[in-house]
Amino acid sequence: MTGLLAPSIKYHADGLLWAREVTQHSWLRKDGTKLRSGHFERGEQIGEWTTFDGDSAPFKVTTIKTKVKN
């Protein structure tokens, strides 16, 4: 599995938020072919996640909706 890093967050010198990057994650099978990929933001899955078949061709796309925060 790859992509275990947290989103990249950068701050101005005064400590205010400057930038937050969404991080791409990809998971691989033992033979090295791509299994699944998608994005995380603030530690949660967001947007389109693609599942790949055994030849690393796109098989299924799932859209992850953002959770409503109270």
N, C-alpha and C. Protein backbone atom coordinates (compact mmCIF):
# COMPACT_ATOMS: atom_id res chain seq x y z
N MET A 1 0.86 -1.17 0.00
CA MET A 1 0.00 0.00 0.00
C MET A 1 0.90 1.22 0.00
N THR A 2 0.50 2.24 -0.74
CA THR A 2 1.23 3.49 -0.75
C THR A 2 0.32 4.60 -0.28
N GLY A 3 0.90 5.76 0.00
CA GLY A 3 0.09 6.92 0.30
C GLY A 3 -0.37 7.01 1.74
N LEU A 4 0.50 6.73 2.68
CA LEU A 4 0.12 6.82 4.08
C LEU A 4 0.42 8.18 4.69
N LEU A 5 0.86 9.12 3.89
CA LEU A 5 1.19 10.45 4.41
C LEU A 5 -0.07 11.27 4.62
N ALA A 6 -0.04 12.14 5.60
CA ALA A 6 -1.16 13.04 5.87
C ALA A 6 -1.17 14.14 4.83
N PRO A 7 -2.30 14.83 4.65
CA PRO A 7 -2.33 15.96 3.73
C PRO A 7 -1.26 16.98 4.09
N SER A 8 -0.71 17.61 3.08
CA SER A 8 0.32 18.62 3.30
C SER A 8 -0.34 19.94 3.66
N ILE A 9 0.03 20.48 4.81
CA ILE A 9 -0.53 21.76 5.27
C ILE A 9 0.63 22.72 5.45
N LYS A 10 0.48 23.92 4.89
CA LYS A 10 1.52 24.94 4.99
C LYS A 10 0.93 26.19 5.64
N TYR A 11 1.79 26.88 6.40
CA TYR A 11 1.34 28.06 7.14
C TYR A 11 2.19 29.28 6.80
N HIS A 12 1.58 30.45 6.91
CA HIS A 12 2.32 31.70 6.80
C HIS A 12 3.21 31.84 8.05
N ALA A 13 4.16 32.75 8.01
CA ALA A 13 5.06 32.97 9.15
C ALA A 13 4.30 33.32 10.42
N ASP A 14 3.12 33.98 10.27
CA ASP A 14 2.34 34.37 11.45
C ASP A 14 1.45 33.24 11.98
N GLY A 15 1.52 32.06 11.34
CA GLY A 15 0.77 30.89 11.82
C GLY A 15 -0.57 30.67 11.15
N LEU A 16 -1.02 31.60 10.31
CA LEU A 16 -2.29 31.41 9.61
C LEU A 16 -2.13 30.42 8.47
N LEU A 17 -3.19 29.67 8.19
CA LEU A 17 -3.16 28.67 7.14
C LEU A 17 -2.87 29.32 5.79
N TRP A 18 -1.92 28.76 5.05
CA TRP A 18 -1.57 29.26 3.73
C TRP A 18 -2.07 28.31 2.63
N ALA A 19 -1.86 27.00 2.80
CA ALA A 19 -2.29 26.02 1.79
C ALA A 19 -2.51 24.66 2.41
N ARG A 20 -3.48 23.93 1.85
CA ARG A 20 -3.73 22.56 2.27
C ARG A 20 -3.91 21.75 0.99
N GLU A 21 -3.11 20.73 0.83
CA GLU A 21 -3.15 19.91 -0.37
C GLU A 21 -3.97 18.65 -0.12
N VAL A 22 -4.75 18.28 -1.11
CA VAL A 22 -5.44 17.00 -1.08
C VAL A 22 -4.43 15.96 -1.54
N THR A 23 -4.40 14.83 -0.88
CA THR A 23 -3.39 13.81 -1.14
C THR A 23 -3.97 12.63 -1.92
N GLN A 24 -3.28 12.26 -3.00
CA GLN A 24 -3.66 11.09 -3.80
C GLN A 24 -3.11 9.83 -3.13
N HIS A 25 -3.92 8.81 -3.06
CA HIS A 25 -3.51 7.53 -2.48
C HIS A 25 -3.75 6.43 -3.49
N SER A 26 -2.83 5.48 -3.54
CA SER A 26 -2.99 4.32 -4.40
C SER A 26 -2.62 3.06 -3.63
N TRP A 27 -3.42 2.03 -3.82
CA TRP A 27 -3.14 0.74 -3.22
C TRP A 27 -2.79 -0.22 -4.34
N LEU A 28 -1.81 -1.09 -4.09
CA LEU A 28 -1.34 -2.03 -5.10
C LEU A 28 -1.52 -3.47 -4.62
N ARG A 29 -1.73 -4.36 -5.58
CA ARG A 29 -1.76 -5.79 -5.27
C ARG A 29 -0.32 -6.28 -5.06
N LYS A 30 -0.15 -7.49 -4.54
CA LYS A 30 1.18 -8.05 -4.33
C LYS A 30 1.99 -8.14 -5.61
N ASP A 31 1.32 -8.30 -6.76
CA ASP A 31 2.04 -8.40 -8.03
C ASP A 31 2.38 -7.03 -8.62
N GLY A 32 2.02 -5.95 -7.92
CA GLY A 32 2.37 -4.61 -8.34
C GLY A 32 1.32 -3.90 -9.16
N THR A 33 0.24 -4.59 -9.55
CA THR A 33 -0.81 -3.93 -10.31
C THR A 33 -1.65 -3.05 -9.38
N LYS A 34 -2.17 -1.98 -9.94
CA LYS A 34 -2.96 -1.03 -9.16
C LYS A 34 -4.29 -1.66 -8.77
N LEU A 35 -4.70 -1.48 -7.52
CA LEU A 35 -5.95 -2.01 -7.00
C LEU A 35 -7.00 -0.92 -6.87
N ARG A 36 -6.62 0.20 -6.22
CA ARG A 36 -7.58 1.27 -5.95
C ARG A 36 -6.83 2.58 -5.78
N SER A 37 -7.45 3.67 -6.18
CA SER A 37 -6.84 4.98 -5.96
C SER A 37 -7.92 6.02 -5.75
N GLY A 38 -7.55 7.06 -5.02
CA GLY A 38 -8.47 8.16 -4.75
C GLY A 38 -7.79 9.21 -3.90
N HIS A 39 -8.58 10.13 -3.38
CA HIS A 39 -8.05 11.27 -2.63
C HIS A 39 -8.59 11.31 -1.21
N PHE A 40 -7.75 11.85 -0.33
CA PHE A 40 -8.14 12.14 1.04
C PHE A 40 -7.99 13.63 1.28
N GLU A 41 -8.87 14.18 2.08
CA GLU A 41 -8.72 15.55 2.56
C GLU A 41 -9.08 15.55 4.03
N ARG A 42 -8.20 16.10 4.83
CA ARG A 42 -8.39 16.11 6.29
C ARG A 42 -8.63 14.72 6.84
N GLY A 43 -7.96 13.73 6.26
CA GLY A 43 -8.04 12.36 6.75
C GLY A 43 -9.27 11.58 6.32
N GLU A 44 -10.12 12.16 5.43
CA GLU A 44 -11.33 11.47 4.99
C GLU A 44 -11.32 11.31 3.48
N GLN A 45 -11.88 10.19 3.01
CA GLN A 45 -12.00 9.97 1.57
C GLN A 45 -12.92 11.02 0.97
N ILE A 46 -12.55 11.54 -0.21
CA ILE A 46 -13.40 12.49 -0.91
C ILE A 46 -13.36 12.20 -2.41
N GLY A 47 -14.36 12.67 -3.12
CA GLY A 47 -14.36 12.62 -4.58
C GLY A 47 -14.43 11.22 -5.15
N GLU A 48 -13.87 11.08 -6.36
CA GLU A 48 -13.94 9.81 -7.07
C GLU A 48 -12.83 8.86 -6.64
N TRP A 49 -13.21 7.62 -6.37
CA TRP A 49 -12.29 6.54 -6.07
C TRP A 49 -12.46 5.48 -7.15
N THR A 50 -11.34 5.06 -7.74
CA THR A 50 -11.37 4.10 -8.83
C THR A 50 -10.83 2.76 -8.37
N THR A 51 -11.57 1.70 -8.66
CA THR A 51 -11.12 0.33 -8.43
C THR A 51 -10.68 -0.22 -9.78
N PHE A 52 -9.54 -0.93 -9.81
CA PHE A 52 -8.96 -1.42 -11.04
C PHE A 52 -9.03 -2.95 -11.09
N ASP A 53 -9.15 -3.50 -12.31
CA ASP A 53 -9.15 -4.96 -12.46
C ASP A 53 -7.71 -5.48 -12.40
N GLY A 54 -7.52 -6.77 -12.61
CA GLY A 54 -6.21 -7.40 -12.50
C GLY A 54 -5.18 -6.91 -13.51
N ASP A 55 -5.64 -6.22 -14.57
CA ASP A 55 -4.72 -5.66 -15.57
C ASP A 55 -4.50 -4.16 -15.35
N SER A 56 -4.92 -3.64 -14.20
CA SER A 56 -4.82 -2.22 -13.85
C SER A 56 -5.68 -1.32 -14.73
N ALA A 57 -6.72 -1.90 -15.34
CA ALA A 57 -7.67 -1.09 -16.11
C ALA A 57 -8.81 -0.67 -15.18
N PRO A 58 -9.32 0.56 -15.30
CA PRO A 58 -10.44 1.00 -14.45
C PRO A 58 -11.61 0.03 -14.56
N PHE A 59 -12.15 -0.37 -13.41
CA PHE A 59 -13.24 -1.34 -13.34
C PHE A 59 -14.51 -0.68 -12.81
N LYS A 60 -14.34 0.18 -11.78
CA LYS A 60 -15.49 0.79 -11.12
C LYS A 60 -15.06 2.12 -10.53
N VAL A 61 -15.93 3.13 -10.63
CA VAL A 61 -15.66 4.43 -10.03
C VAL A 61 -16.77 4.71 -9.02
N THR A 62 -16.36 5.03 -7.80
CA THR A 62 -17.29 5.35 -6.72
C THR A 62 -17.06 6.80 -6.30
N THR A 63 -18.15 7.55 -6.15
CA THR A 63 -18.03 8.93 -5.69
C THR A 63 -18.34 8.98 -4.20
N ILE A 64 -17.37 9.45 -3.43
CA ILE A 64 -17.50 9.58 -1.98
C ILE A 64 -17.98 11.00 -1.68
N LYS A 65 -19.15 11.10 -1.07
CA LYS A 65 -19.68 12.41 -0.73
C LYS A 65 -19.07 12.88 0.59
N THR A 66 -18.86 14.19 0.71
CA THR A 66 -18.32 14.73 1.95
C THR A 66 -19.37 14.61 3.04
N LYS A 67 -18.91 14.35 4.24
CA LYS A 67 -19.80 14.22 5.38
C LYS A 67 -20.21 15.60 5.89
N VAL A 68 -21.45 15.71 6.31
CA VAL A 68 -21.94 16.97 6.87
C VAL A 68 -21.47 17.05 8.31
N LYS A 69 -20.79 18.14 8.65
CA LYS A 69 -20.29 18.32 10.02
C LYS A 69 -21.27 19.20 10.79
N ASN A 70 -21.56 18.80 12.00
CA ASN A 70 -22.46 19.59 12.86
C ASN A 70 -21.69 20.58 13.67
